[in-house]
Amino acid sequence: MIGHPWIGVLGILLIALANYDAVKTTLSASHSGPVTNRLISQVWALLLAIHQRKQCHRLLSGVGPWLTVGLIVVWLILALTGWWLLFCSATDAVVNATTKVPANLIERLYYTGYTLTTLGYGDYVPGSDSWRMAPTLAAANGFFLFTLTITYMLSIVSNVTEKRHVALSIHALGESPYHILHATHGNGRYTGLGQQLQPLQQSISKLGQQHLAYPILHYYHDPSSQKSLPLALARLYQALVIARAACPDMDNVTKQQLTTGITTLENFIATLGNAFITPFTTMPDIPSLEAYSRLPGITASSHALHHCLIVDQQRVLAAYIHKDGWQWQSVWQTDS
């Protein structure tokens, strides 16, 4: 194996793949790399299938952190393997510093490992001048990958915390679309709902961009429905659409606030369709809205309310909820 140039070519390809995937995933702010995308989507699909049979939210809740760690390990293993193969492509690439005897496969792997981690023990060295730049590049590559992955992990932790904060803030308005409307109706004018939206809009817009920049955020599942972002956003969306469409006594300021809130949510939904979710082909079931038609200020019939909720965004929301391990019915039901 040692001394074959084609091994070096394979090594260069692996090094390029590791760096391309890491950079694409962490810095592109739009899509993940090919290895990342395939790895996380297949692992999630497998565990989601298990969850759907056994309804084990705790299983899904551990996936995000372990996927993050596993992804980083994959990048480092690809880089380690690539540099190891490159150092195996020539007999004089690595020699014993004392005896000048060419290193064997295990010794070259050891040399690659301490070079990438920038430890530099010095018991093995390049055997010729033509190989002196390679370990320098390997050390720089290792430093780059380690720095990139640490920064990436810190950003993920921060964004997951914000994701849960937004979900809890929406849940505080109500446990279902009905409860959100009932708690904020303001004698049928829904001014309270409009006021509550203002601090949420910026956070939701920011979350949409974060989900594009860090696709792995989609796989951080919370076992509590109170902290589930998909459920929270879907509940809020139903409430806003109903209030805007069926309350003629609403003043123009409140109506504009609700319209802006709906637009913010639809922009977030659009990012899901572009980067993560395949919309359902059929419209999800909308339950009976008789109770909603009796809310203060709501003048439309339950049939009219049902009609205003038949929009394409519902198919994306339903797919989003399903892919996060929840049921569409949970949007309309409370935990009690």
C-alpha atoms as a PDB file:
ATOM      1  CA  MET A   1       0.000   0.000   0.000  1.00  0.00           C
ATOM      2  CA  ILE A   2       2.787   2.437   0.866  1.00  0.00           C
ATOM      3  CA  GLY A   3       4.306   4.135  -2.150  1.00  0.00           C
ATOM      4  CA  HIS A   4       1.364   4.038  -4.558  1.00  0.00           C
ATOM      5  CA  PRO A   5       0.598   7.536  -5.982  1.00  0.00           C
ATOM      6  CA  TRP A   6      -3.083   6.715  -6.526  1.00  0.00           C
ATOM      7  CA  ILE A   7      -3.459   6.464  -2.751  1.00  0.00           C
ATOM      8  CA  GLY A   8      -2.371  10.090  -2.530  1.00  0.00           C
ATOM      9  CA  VAL A   9      -4.994  11.100  -5.086  1.00  0.00           C
ATOM     10  CA  LEU A  10      -7.678   9.362  -3.026  1.00  0.00           C
ATOM     11  CA  GLY A  11      -6.375  11.100   0.071  1.00  0.00           C
ATOM     12  CA  ILE A  12      -6.558  14.536  -1.563  1.00  0.00           C
ATOM     13  CA  LEU A  13     -10.160  13.831  -2.578  1.00  0.00           C
ATOM     14  CA  LEU A  14     -11.092  12.901   1.004  1.00  0.00           C
ATOM     15  CA  ILE A  15      -9.382  16.012   2.364  1.00  0.00           C
ATOM     16  CA  ALA A  16     -11.255  18.165  -0.131  1.00  0.00           C
ATOM     17  CA  LEU A  17     -14.560  16.462   0.729  1.00  0.00           C
ATOM     18  CA  ALA A  18     -14.084  16.954   4.471  1.00  0.00           C
ATOM     19  CA  ASN A  19     -13.250  20.634   4.118  1.00  0.00           C
ATOM     20  CA  TYR A  20     -15.920  21.342   1.511  1.00  0.00           C
ATOM     21  CA  ASP A  21     -18.630  19.702   3.596  1.00  0.00           C
ATOM     22  CA  ALA A  22     -17.537  21.474   6.784  1.00  0.00           C
ATOM     23  CA  VAL A  23     -17.363  24.882   5.121  1.00  0.00           C
ATOM     24  CA  LYS A  24     -20.624  24.390   3.217  1.00  0.00           C
ATOM     25  CA  THR A  25     -22.442  23.342   6.389  1.00  0.00           C
ATOM     26  CA  THR A  26     -21.054  25.935   8.772  1.00  0.00           C
ATOM     27  CA  LEU A  27     -20.427  29.015   6.627  1.00  0.00           C
ATOM     28  CA  SER A  28     -22.749  28.940   3.625  1.00  0.00           C
ATOM     29  CA  ALA A  29     -25.743  30.205   5.663  1.00  0.00           C
ATOM     30  CA  SER A  30     -28.106  28.451   3.268  1.00  0.00           C
ATOM     31  CA  HIS A  31     -27.599  24.698   2.849  1.00  0.00           C
ATOM     32  CA  SER A  32     -25.611  21.876   4.397  1.00  0.00           C
ATOM     33  CA  GLY A  33     -22.873  19.922   2.662  1.00  0.00           C
ATOM     34  CA  PRO A  34     -23.502  16.625   0.849  1.00  0.00           C
ATOM     35  CA  VAL A  35     -22.121  14.380   3.613  1.00  0.00           C
ATOM     36  CA  THR A  36     -23.926  16.342   6.325  1.00  0.00           C
ATOM     37  CA  ASN A  37     -27.231  16.329   4.494  1.00  0.00           C
ATOM     38  CA  ARG A  38     -27.166  12.611   3.779  1.00  0.00           C
ATOM     39  CA  LEU A  39     -25.980  11.633   7.263  1.00  0.00           C
ATOM     40  CA  ILE A  40     -28.403  13.658   9.357  1.00  0.00           C
ATOM     41  CA  SER A  41     -31.454  13.064   7.158  1.00  0.00           C
ATOM     42  CA  GLN A  42     -30.999   9.287   7.072  1.00  0.00           C
ATOM     43  CA  VAL A  43     -30.325   8.972  10.802  1.00  0.00           C
ATOM     44  CA  TRP A  44     -33.352  11.153  11.601  1.00  0.00           C
ATOM     45  CA  ALA A  45     -35.604   9.227   9.202  1.00  0.00           C
ATOM     46  CA  LEU A  46     -34.665   5.948  10.894  1.00  0.00           C
ATOM     47  CA  LEU A  47     -35.247   7.212  14.430  1.00  0.00           C
ATOM     48  CA  LEU A  48     -38.439   9.020  13.424  1.00  0.00           C
ATOM     49  CA  ALA A  49     -39.813   5.736  12.066  1.00  0.00           C
ATOM     50  CA  ILE A  50     -39.055   4.088  15.419  1.00  0.00           C
ATOM     51  CA  HIS A  51     -40.685   6.985  17.266  1.00  0.00           C
ATOM     52  CA  GLN A  52     -43.847   6.766  15.181  1.00  0.00           C
ATOM     53  CA  ARG A  53     -44.254   3.143  16.242  1.00  0.00           C
ATOM     54  CA  LYS A  54     -43.448   3.568  19.929  1.00  0.00           C
ATOM     55  CA  GLN A  55     -44.128   7.301  20.518  1.00  0.00           C
ATOM     56  CA  CYS A  56     -40.823   7.883  22.285  1.00  0.00           C
ATOM     57  CA  HIS A  57     -40.123  11.621  22.318  1.00  0.00           C
ATOM     58  CA  ARG A  58     -37.100  11.091  24.552  1.00  0.00           C
ATOM     59  CA  LEU A  59     -35.474   9.093  21.761  1.00  0.00           C
ATOM     60  CA  LEU A  60     -35.801  12.032  19.366  1.00  0.00           C
ATOM     61  CA  SER A  61     -34.719  14.566  22.003  1.00  0.00           C
ATOM     62  CA  GLY A  62     -31.247  13.027  22.127  1.00  0.00           C
ATOM     63  CA  VAL A  63     -30.726  12.987  18.372  1.00  0.00           C
ATOM     64  CA  GLY A  64     -29.735  16.633  17.852  1.00  0.00           C
ATOM     65  CA  PRO A  65     -26.732  16.767  20.216  1.00  0.00           C
ATOM     66  CA  TRP A  66     -25.434  13.359  19.110  1.00  0.00           C
ATOM     67  CA  LEU A  67     -25.871  14.240  15.440  1.00  0.00           C
ATOM     68  CA  THR A  68     -23.838  17.384  16.009  1.00  0.00           C
ATOM     69  CA  VAL A  69     -21.033  15.467  17.710  1.00  0.00           C
ATOM     70  CA  GLY A  70     -21.215  12.671  15.113  1.00  0.00           C
ATOM     71  CA  LEU A  71     -21.026  15.156  12.272  1.00  0.00           C
ATOM     72  CA  ILE A  72     -17.900  16.736  13.688  1.00  0.00           C
ATOM     73  CA  VAL A  73     -16.334  13.303  14.186  1.00  0.00           C
ATOM     74  CA  VAL A  74     -17.108  12.427  10.545  1.00  0.00           C
ATOM     75  CA  TRP A  75     -15.353  15.580   9.318  1.00  0.00           C
ATOM     76  CA  LEU A  76     -12.290  14.845  11.425  1.00  0.00           C
ATOM     77  CA  ILE A  77     -12.171  11.166  10.390  1.00  0.00           C
ATOM     78  CA  LEU A  78     -12.432  12.117   6.721  1.00  0.00           C
ATOM     79  CA  ALA A  79      -9.604  14.623   7.119  1.00  0.00           C
ATOM     80  CA  LEU A  80      -7.488  12.182   9.150  1.00  0.00           C
ATOM     81  CA  THR A  81      -7.992   9.387   6.603  1.00  0.00           C
ATOM     82  CA  GLY A  82      -7.259  11.712   3.705  1.00  0.00           C
ATOM     83  CA  TRP A  83      -3.983  12.999   5.138  1.00  0.00           C
ATOM     84  CA  TRP A  84      -2.979   9.493   6.209  1.00  0.00           C
ATOM     85  CA  LEU A  85      -3.477   8.205   2.665  1.00  0.00           C
ATOM     86  CA  LEU A  86      -1.506  11.145   1.309  1.00  0.00           C
ATOM     87  CA  PHE A  87       1.377  10.398   3.677  1.00  0.00           C
ATOM     88  CA  CYS A  88       1.214   6.745   2.548  1.00  0.00           C
ATOM     89  CA  SER A  89       1.577   7.640  -1.118  1.00  0.00           C
ATOM     90  CA  ALA A  90       5.378   7.923  -0.969  1.00  0.00           C
ATOM     91  CA  THR A  91       7.911   5.829   0.936  1.00  0.00           C
ATOM     92  CA  ASP A  92       9.920   8.848   2.091  1.00  0.00           C
ATOM     93  CA  ALA A  93       6.899  10.906   3.138  1.00  0.00           C
ATOM     94  CA  VAL A  94       7.350   9.902   6.796  1.00  0.00           C
ATOM     95  CA  VAL A  95      10.493   8.461   8.420  1.00  0.00           C
ATOM     96  CA  ASN A  96      11.725   7.838  11.939  1.00  0.00           C
ATOM     97  CA  ALA A  97      13.465  10.986  13.149  1.00  0.00           C
ATOM     98  CA  THR A  98      16.381   8.996  14.618  1.00  0.00           C
ATOM     99  CA  THR A  99      16.927   6.007  12.344  1.00  0.00           C
ATOM    100  CA  LYS A 100      15.539   7.514   9.107  1.00  0.00           C
ATOM    101  CA  VAL A 101      13.709   4.230   8.482  1.00  0.00           C
ATOM    102  CA  PRO A 102      10.429   4.726   6.529  1.00  0.00           C
ATOM    103  CA  ALA A 103       7.404   4.542   8.804  1.00  0.00           C
ATOM    104  CA  ASN A 104       4.871   1.720   8.531  1.00  0.00           C
ATOM    105  CA  LEU A 105       1.111   2.204   8.179  1.00  0.00           C
ATOM    106  CA  ILE A 106       0.399   2.490  11.923  1.00  0.00           C
ATOM    107  CA  GLU A 107       3.285   4.894  12.443  1.00  0.00           C
ATOM    108  CA  ARG A 108       2.046   7.061   9.567  1.00  0.00           C
ATOM    109  CA  LEU A 109      -1.425   7.116  11.094  1.00  0.00           C
ATOM    110  CA  TYR A 110       0.116   8.147  14.424  1.00  0.00           C
ATOM    111  CA  TYR A 111       2.135  10.851  12.652  1.00  0.00           C
ATOM    112  CA  THR A 112      -0.987  12.104  10.844  1.00  0.00           C
ATOM    113  CA  GLY A 113      -2.952  12.262  14.083  1.00  0.00           C
ATOM    114  CA  TYR A 114      -0.467  14.332  16.032  1.00  0.00           C
ATOM    115  CA  THR A 115       0.152  16.574  13.036  1.00  0.00           C
ATOM    116  CA  LEU A 116      -3.545  17.363  12.567  1.00  0.00           C
ATOM    117  CA  THR A 117      -3.938  18.064  16.285  1.00  0.00           C
ATOM    118  CA  THR A 118      -0.805  20.289  16.109  1.00  0.00           C
ATOM    119  CA  LEU A 119       0.861  18.373  18.955  1.00  0.00           C
ATOM    120  CA  GLY A 120       4.064  17.822  16.984  1.00  0.00           C
ATOM    121  CA  TYR A 121       5.929  15.228  19.075  1.00  0.00           C
ATOM    122  CA  GLY A 122       8.772  15.083  16.554  1.00  0.00           C
ATOM    123  CA  ASP A 123       9.568  11.355  16.677  1.00  0.00           C
ATOM    124  CA  TYR A 124       8.593  11.064  12.988  1.00  0.00           C
ATOM    125  CA  VAL A 125       9.483  13.622  10.339  1.00  0.00           C
ATOM    126  CA  PRO A 126       9.274  14.116   6.548  1.00  0.00           C
ATOM    127  CA  GLY A 127      11.907  12.028   4.775  1.00  0.00           C
ATOM    128  CA  SER A 128      12.693  14.510   1.998  1.00  0.00           C
ATOM    129  CA  ASP A 129      12.444  18.200   1.248  1.00  0.00           C
ATOM    130  CA  SER A 130       9.527  17.630  -1.116  1.00  0.00           C
ATOM    131  CA  TRP A 131       7.390  16.480   1.826  1.00  0.00           C
ATOM    132  CA  ARG A 132       8.214  19.264   4.297  1.00  0.00           C
ATOM    133  CA  MET A 133       5.234  21.451   3.332  1.00  0.00           C
ATOM    134  CA  ALA A 134       2.667  18.654   3.658  1.00  0.00           C
ATOM    135  CA  PRO A 135       2.690  18.403   7.486  1.00  0.00           C
ATOM    136  CA  THR A 136       2.498  22.202   7.724  1.00  0.00           C
ATOM    137  CA  LEU A 137      -0.620  22.189   5.553  1.00  0.00           C
ATOM    138  CA  ALA A 138      -2.039  19.267   7.543  1.00  0.00           C
ATOM    139  CA  ALA A 139      -1.512  21.122  10.828  1.00  0.00           C
ATOM    140  CA  ALA A 140      -3.156  24.242   9.420  1.00  0.00           C
ATOM    141  CA  ASN A 141      -6.062  22.133   8.154  1.00  0.00           C
ATOM    142  CA  GLY A 142      -6.480  20.486  11.553  1.00  0.00           C
ATOM    143  CA  PHE A 143      -6.428  23.830  13.351  1.00  0.00           C
ATOM    144  CA  PHE A 144      -8.973  25.207  10.872  1.00  0.00           C
ATOM    145  CA  LEU A 145     -11.370  22.270  11.325  1.00  0.00           C
ATOM    146  CA  PHE A 146     -11.134  22.249  15.116  1.00  0.00           C
ATOM    147  CA  THR A 147     -11.748  26.007  15.307  1.00  0.00           C
ATOM    148  CA  LEU A 148     -14.636  25.768  12.850  1.00  0.00           C
ATOM    149  CA  THR A 149     -16.342  22.932  14.716  1.00  0.00           C
ATOM    150  CA  ILE A 150     -16.039  24.562  18.150  1.00  0.00           C
ATOM    151  CA  THR A 151     -17.533  27.793  16.822  1.00  0.00           C
ATOM    152  CA  TYR A 152     -20.286  25.807  15.114  1.00  0.00           C
ATOM    153  CA  MET A 153     -21.191  23.947  18.305  1.00  0.00           C
ATOM    154  CA  LEU A 154     -21.394  27.150  20.348  1.00  0.00           C
ATOM    155  CA  SER A 155     -23.671  28.723  17.728  1.00  0.00           C
ATOM    156  CA  ILE A 156     -25.920  25.651  17.736  1.00  0.00           C
ATOM    157  CA  VAL A 157     -26.336  25.753  21.528  1.00  0.00           C
ATOM    158  CA  SER A 158     -27.242  29.450  21.408  1.00  0.00           C
ATOM    159  CA  ASN A 159     -29.758  28.965  18.598  1.00  0.00           C
ATOM    160  CA  VAL A 160     -31.424  25.964  20.258  1.00  0.00           C
ATOM    161  CA  THR A 161     -31.940  28.051  23.394  1.00  0.00           C
ATOM    162  CA  GLU A 162     -33.571  30.811  21.353  1.00  0.00           C
ATOM    163  CA  LYS A 163     -35.732  28.267  19.537  1.00  0.00           C
ATOM    164  CA  ARG A 164     -37.123  27.010  22.861  1.00  0.00           C
ATOM    165  CA  HIS A 165     -37.618  30.567  24.122  1.00  0.00           C
ATOM    166  CA  VAL A 166     -39.799  31.463  21.127  1.00  0.00           C
ATOM    167  CA  ALA A 167     -41.841  28.273  21.541  1.00  0.00           C
ATOM    168  CA  LEU A 168     -42.440  29.018  25.231  1.00  0.00           C
ATOM    169  CA  SER A 169     -43.387  32.626  24.466  1.00  0.00           C
ATOM    170  CA  ILE A 170     -46.033  31.495  21.983  1.00  0.00           C
ATOM    171  CA  HIS A 171     -47.263  28.772  24.340  1.00  0.00           C
ATOM    172  CA  ALA A 172     -47.760  31.429  27.036  1.00  0.00           C
ATOM    173  CA  LEU A 173     -50.417  32.997  24.785  1.00  0.00           C
ATOM    174  CA  GLY A 174     -52.409  29.759  24.775  1.00  0.00           C
ATOM    175  CA  GLU A 175     -52.195  25.984  24.386  1.00  0.00           C
ATOM    176  CA  SER A 176     -54.228  25.928  21.177  1.00  0.00           C
ATOM    177  CA  PRO A 177     -55.435  28.412  18.541  1.00  0.00           C
ATOM    178  CA  TYR A 178     -58.710  28.674  20.455  1.00  0.00           C
ATOM    179  CA  HIS A 179     -56.991  29.500  23.735  1.00  0.00           C
ATOM    180  CA  ILE A 180     -54.751  32.077  22.026  1.00  0.00           C
ATOM    181  CA  LEU A 181     -57.814  33.854  20.596  1.00  0.00           C
ATOM    182  CA  HIS A 182     -59.807  33.526  23.808  1.00  0.00           C
ATOM    183  CA  ALA A 183     -56.995  35.023  25.911  1.00  0.00           C
ATOM    184  CA  THR A 184     -56.313  37.985  23.617  1.00  0.00           C
ATOM    185  CA  HIS A 185     -59.725  38.887  22.163  1.00  0.00           C
ATOM    186  CA  GLY A 186     -59.989  42.244  23.976  1.00  0.00           C
ATOM    187  CA  ASN A 187     -63.780  42.385  23.780  1.00  0.00           C
ATOM    188  CA  GLY A 188     -63.714  41.233  20.189  1.00  0.00           C
ATOM    189  CA  ARG A 189     -61.118  43.672  18.867  1.00  0.00           C
ATOM    190  CA  TYR A 190     -58.021  41.477  19.408  1.00  0.00           C
ATOM    191  CA  THR A 191     -55.755  44.383  20.237  1.00  0.00           C
ATOM    192  CA  GLY A 192     -53.966  42.218  22.796  1.00  0.00           C
ATOM    193  CA  LEU A 193     -53.090  39.678  20.114  1.00  0.00           C
ATOM    194  CA  GLY A 194     -51.605  42.376  17.901  1.00  0.00           C
ATOM    195  CA  GLN A 195     -49.546  43.785  20.753  1.00  0.00           C
ATOM    196  CA  GLN A 196     -48.218  40.358  21.733  1.00  0.00           C
ATOM    197  CA  LEU A 197     -46.989  39.785  18.171  1.00  0.00           C
ATOM    198  CA  GLN A 198     -44.541  42.672  18.083  1.00  0.00           C
ATOM    199  CA  PRO A 199     -41.786  41.122  20.249  1.00  0.00           C
ATOM    200  CA  LEU A 200     -42.258  37.746  18.533  1.00  0.00           C
ATOM    201  CA  GLN A 201     -41.918  38.823  14.903  1.00  0.00           C
ATOM    202  CA  GLN A 202     -38.223  39.649  15.016  1.00  0.00           C
ATOM    203  CA  SER A 203     -37.435  36.411  16.844  1.00  0.00           C
ATOM    204  CA  ILE A 204     -39.397  34.317  14.324  1.00  0.00           C
ATOM    205  CA  SER A 205     -37.702  36.036  11.369  1.00  0.00           C
ATOM    206  CA  LYS A 206     -34.317  35.443  12.965  1.00  0.00           C
ATOM    207  CA  LEU A 207     -35.152  31.787  13.595  1.00  0.00           C
ATOM    208  CA  GLY A 208     -36.010  31.311   9.921  1.00  0.00           C
ATOM    209  CA  GLN A 209     -32.558  32.497   8.877  1.00  0.00           C
ATOM    210  CA  GLN A 210     -30.916  30.425  11.600  1.00  0.00           C
ATOM    211  CA  HIS A 211     -32.629  27.286  10.314  1.00  0.00           C
ATOM    212  CA  LEU A 212     -31.176  28.005   6.874  1.00  0.00           C
ATOM    213  CA  ALA A 213     -27.712  28.717   8.270  1.00  0.00           C
ATOM    214  CA  TYR A 214     -27.755  25.734  10.658  1.00  0.00           C
ATOM    215  CA  PRO A 215     -29.928  22.967   9.143  1.00  0.00           C
ATOM    216  CA  ILE A 216     -29.130  20.679  12.053  1.00  0.00           C
ATOM    217  CA  LEU A 217     -31.387  22.888  14.235  1.00  0.00           C
ATOM    218  CA  HIS A 218     -34.346  21.051  12.693  1.00  0.00           C
ATOM    219  CA  TYR A 219     -33.197  17.882  14.437  1.00  0.00           C
ATOM    220  CA  TYR A 220     -33.179  19.334  17.955  1.00  0.00           C
ATOM    221  CA  HIS A 221     -36.458  17.901  19.221  1.00  0.00           C
ATOM    222  CA  ASP A 222     -37.991  18.819  22.558  1.00  0.00           C
ATOM    223  CA  PRO A 223     -40.126  16.128  24.247  1.00  0.00           C
ATOM    224  CA  SER A 224     -42.425  18.776  25.739  1.00  0.00           C
ATOM    225  CA  SER A 225     -45.147  20.170  23.487  1.00  0.00           C
ATOM    226  CA  GLN A 226     -44.792  23.481  25.336  1.00  0.00           C
ATOM    227  CA  LYS A 227     -41.266  23.850  23.943  1.00  0.00           C
ATOM    228  CA  SER A 228     -42.015  22.476  20.481  1.00  0.00           C
ATOM    229  CA  LEU A 229     -41.445  25.195  17.902  1.00  0.00           C
ATOM    230  CA  PRO A 230     -43.406  23.472  15.082  1.00  0.00           C
ATOM    231  CA  LEU A 231     -46.523  23.158  17.263  1.00  0.00           C
ATOM    232  CA  ALA A 232     -46.186  26.700  18.590  1.00  0.00           C
ATOM    233  CA  LEU A 233     -45.836  28.273  15.146  1.00  0.00           C
ATOM    234  CA  ALA A 234     -48.711  26.242  13.703  1.00  0.00           C
ATOM    235  CA  ARG A 235     -51.019  27.223  16.580  1.00  0.00           C
ATOM    236  CA  LEU A 236     -50.130  30.885  16.247  1.00  0.00           C
ATOM    237  CA  TYR A 237     -50.643  30.791  12.481  1.00  0.00           C
ATOM    238  CA  GLN A 238     -54.156  29.340  12.800  1.00  0.00           C
ATOM    239  CA  ALA A 239     -55.103  31.960  15.384  1.00  0.00           C
ATOM    240  CA  LEU A 240     -53.819  34.885  13.306  1.00  0.00           C
ATOM    241  CA  VAL A 241     -55.518  33.751  10.103  1.00  0.00           C
ATOM    242  CA  ILE A 242     -58.862  33.261  11.862  1.00  0.00           C
ATOM    243  CA  ALA A 243     -58.705  36.600  13.686  1.00  0.00           C
ATOM    244  CA  ARG A 244     -57.756  38.605  10.605  1.00  0.00           C
ATOM    245  CA  ALA A 245     -60.330  36.972   8.342  1.00  0.00           C
ATOM    246  CA  ALA A 246     -63.335  36.850  10.662  1.00  0.00           C
ATOM    247  CA  CYS A 247     -63.270  39.954  12.850  1.00  0.00           C
ATOM    248  CA  PRO A 248     -64.736  43.020  11.039  1.00  0.00           C
ATOM    249  CA  ASP A 249     -64.586  45.236  14.143  1.00  0.00           C
ATOM    250  CA  MET A 250     -60.795  45.044  14.301  1.00  0.00           C
ATOM    251  CA  ASP A 251     -59.107  48.452  13.950  1.00  0.00           C
ATOM    252  CA  ASN A 252     -56.639  49.089  11.143  1.00  0.00           C
ATOM    253  CA  VAL A 253     -53.578  49.101  13.395  1.00  0.00           C
ATOM    254  CA  THR A 254     -54.384  45.684  14.841  1.00  0.00           C
ATOM    255  CA  LYS A 255     -55.232  44.300  11.405  1.00  0.00           C
ATOM    256  CA  GLN A 256     -51.874  45.511  10.098  1.00  0.00           C
ATOM    257  CA  GLN A 257     -50.096  43.923  13.072  1.00  0.00           C
ATOM    258  CA  LEU A 258     -51.807  40.598  12.369  1.00  0.00           C
ATOM    259  CA  THR A 259     -51.024  40.837   8.660  1.00  0.00           C
ATOM    260  CA  THR A 260     -47.357  41.476   9.433  1.00  0.00           C
ATOM    261  CA  GLY A 261     -47.363  38.527  11.834  1.00  0.00           C
ATOM    262  CA  ILE A 262     -48.869  36.231   9.217  1.00  0.00           C
ATOM    263  CA  THR A 263     -46.319  37.392   6.630  1.00  0.00           C
ATOM    264  CA  THR A 264     -43.491  36.716   9.092  1.00  0.00           C
ATOM    265  CA  LEU A 265     -44.784  33.207   9.717  1.00  0.00           C
ATOM    266  CA  GLU A 266     -45.264  32.528   6.011  1.00  0.00           C
ATOM    267  CA  ASN A 267     -41.690  33.632   5.327  1.00  0.00           C
ATOM    268  CA  PHE A 268     -40.526  31.153   7.945  1.00  0.00           C
ATOM    269  CA  ILE A 269     -42.701  28.449   6.368  1.00  0.00           C
ATOM    270  CA  ALA A 270     -41.157  29.264   2.981  1.00  0.00           C
ATOM    271  CA  THR A 271     -37.668  28.569   4.354  1.00  0.00           C
ATOM    272  CA  LEU A 272     -38.886  25.137   5.480  1.00  0.00           C
ATOM    273  CA  GLY A 273     -40.124  24.304   2.007  1.00  0.00           C
ATOM    274  CA  ASN A 274     -36.838  25.430   0.455  1.00  0.00           C
ATOM    275  CA  ALA A 275     -34.423  23.672   2.762  1.00  0.00           C
ATOM    276  CA  PHE A 276     -35.919  20.971   4.921  1.00  0.00           C
ATOM    277  CA  ILE A 277     -39.533  19.962   4.376  1.00  0.00           C
ATOM    278  CA  THR A 278     -41.352  18.286   1.528  1.00  0.00           C
ATOM    279  CA  PRO A 279     -44.951  19.562   1.779  1.00  0.00           C
ATOM    280  CA  PHE A 280     -47.745  17.044   2.125  1.00  0.00           C
ATOM    281  CA  THR A 281     -49.579  16.405  -1.115  1.00  0.00           C
ATOM    282  CA  THR A 282     -52.974  16.670   0.601  1.00  0.00           C
ATOM    283  CA  MET A 283     -54.404  19.319   2.878  1.00  0.00           C
ATOM    284  CA  PRO A 284     -54.394  18.349   6.575  1.00  0.00           C
ATOM    285  CA  ASP A 285     -57.741  17.935   8.300  1.00  0.00           C
ATOM    286  CA  ILE A 286     -59.153  21.032   9.941  1.00  0.00           C
ATOM    287  CA  PRO A 287     -61.364  20.111  12.946  1.00  0.00           C
ATOM    288  CA  SER A 288     -64.755  21.582  13.726  1.00  0.00           C
ATOM    289  CA  LEU A 289     -64.532  25.323  14.291  1.00  0.00           C
ATOM    290  CA  GLU A 290     -67.931  25.819  15.936  1.00  0.00           C
ATOM    291  CA  ALA A 291     -66.323  26.985  19.191  1.00  0.00           C
ATOM    292  CA  TYR A 292     -64.200  29.494  17.273  1.00  0.00           C
ATOM    293  CA  SER A 293     -67.255  31.006  15.561  1.00  0.00           C
ATOM    294  CA  ARG A 294     -68.672  31.831  19.014  1.00  0.00           C
ATOM    295  CA  LEU A 295     -65.619  33.785  20.175  1.00  0.00           C
ATOM    296  CA  PRO A 296     -66.105  37.526  20.826  1.00  0.00           C
ATOM    297  CA  GLY A 297     -65.767  39.561  17.625  1.00  0.00           C
ATOM    298  CA  ILE A 298     -65.847  36.540  15.281  1.00  0.00           C
ATOM    299  CA  THR A 299     -68.755  36.977  12.884  1.00  0.00           C
ATOM    300  CA  ALA A 300     -67.960  34.284  10.314  1.00  0.00           C
ATOM    301  CA  SER A 301     -69.554  30.843  10.366  1.00  0.00           C
ATOM    302  CA  SER A 302     -67.528  27.735  11.119  1.00  0.00           C
ATOM    303  CA  HIS A 303     -67.701  26.860   7.400  1.00  0.00           C
ATOM    304  CA  ALA A 304     -66.243  30.256   6.448  1.00  0.00           C
ATOM    305  CA  LEU A 305     -63.495  29.888   9.057  1.00  0.00           C
ATOM    306  CA  HIS A 306     -62.671  26.468   7.668  1.00  0.00           C
ATOM    307  CA  HIS A 307     -62.438  27.904   4.162  1.00  0.00           C
ATOM    308  CA  CYS A 308     -60.019  30.690   5.184  1.00  0.00           C
ATOM    309  CA  LEU A 309     -57.630  28.097   6.655  1.00  0.00           C
ATOM    310  CA  ILE A 310     -57.358  26.106   3.405  1.00  0.00           C
ATOM    311  CA  VAL A 311     -54.043  27.551   2.219  1.00  0.00           C
ATOM    312  CA  ASP A 312     -50.874  25.937   0.864  1.00  0.00           C
ATOM    313  CA  GLN A 313     -48.890  26.866   3.978  1.00  0.00           C
ATOM    314  CA  GLN A 314     -50.915  24.290   5.942  1.00  0.00           C
ATOM    315  CA  ARG A 315     -49.403  21.443   3.902  1.00  0.00           C
ATOM    316  CA  VAL A 316     -45.899  22.637   4.794  1.00  0.00           C
ATOM    317  CA  LEU A 317     -46.808  23.121   8.461  1.00  0.00           C
ATOM    318  CA  ALA A 318     -48.333  19.644   8.648  1.00  0.00           C
ATOM    319  CA  ALA A 319     -45.170  18.122   7.136  1.00  0.00           C
ATOM    320  CA  TYR A 320     -43.019  20.184   9.533  1.00  0.00           C
ATOM    321  CA  ILE A 321     -44.964  18.926  12.541  1.00  0.00           C
ATOM    322  CA  HIS A 322     -44.874  15.340  11.292  1.00  0.00           C
ATOM    323  CA  LYS A 323     -41.126  15.455  10.692  1.00  0.00           C
ATOM    324  CA  ASP A 324     -40.600  16.756  14.213  1.00  0.00           C
ATOM    325  CA  GLY A 325     -42.368  13.710  15.632  1.00  0.00           C
ATOM    326  CA  TRP A 326     -45.737  15.282  16.479  1.00  0.00           C
ATOM    327  CA  GLN A 327     -49.258  14.826  15.163  1.00  0.00           C
ATOM    328  CA  TRP A 328     -51.288  17.476  13.340  1.00  0.00           C
ATOM    329  CA  GLN A 329     -54.102  16.980  15.856  1.00  0.00           C
ATOM    330  CA  SER A 330     -51.790  18.260  18.595  1.00  0.00           C
ATOM    331  CA  VAL A 331     -52.014  21.731  17.055  1.00  0.00           C
ATOM    332  CA  TRP A 332     -55.705  21.948  17.952  1.00  0.00           C
ATOM    333  CA  GLN A 333     -55.683  20.028  21.228  1.00  0.00           C
ATOM    334  CA  THR A 334     -54.350  21.051  24.625  1.00  0.00           C
ATOM    335  CA  ASP A 335     -52.091  19.007  26.872  1.00  0.00           C
ATOM    336  CA  SER A 336     -54.875  18.552  29.428  1.00  0.00           C
END
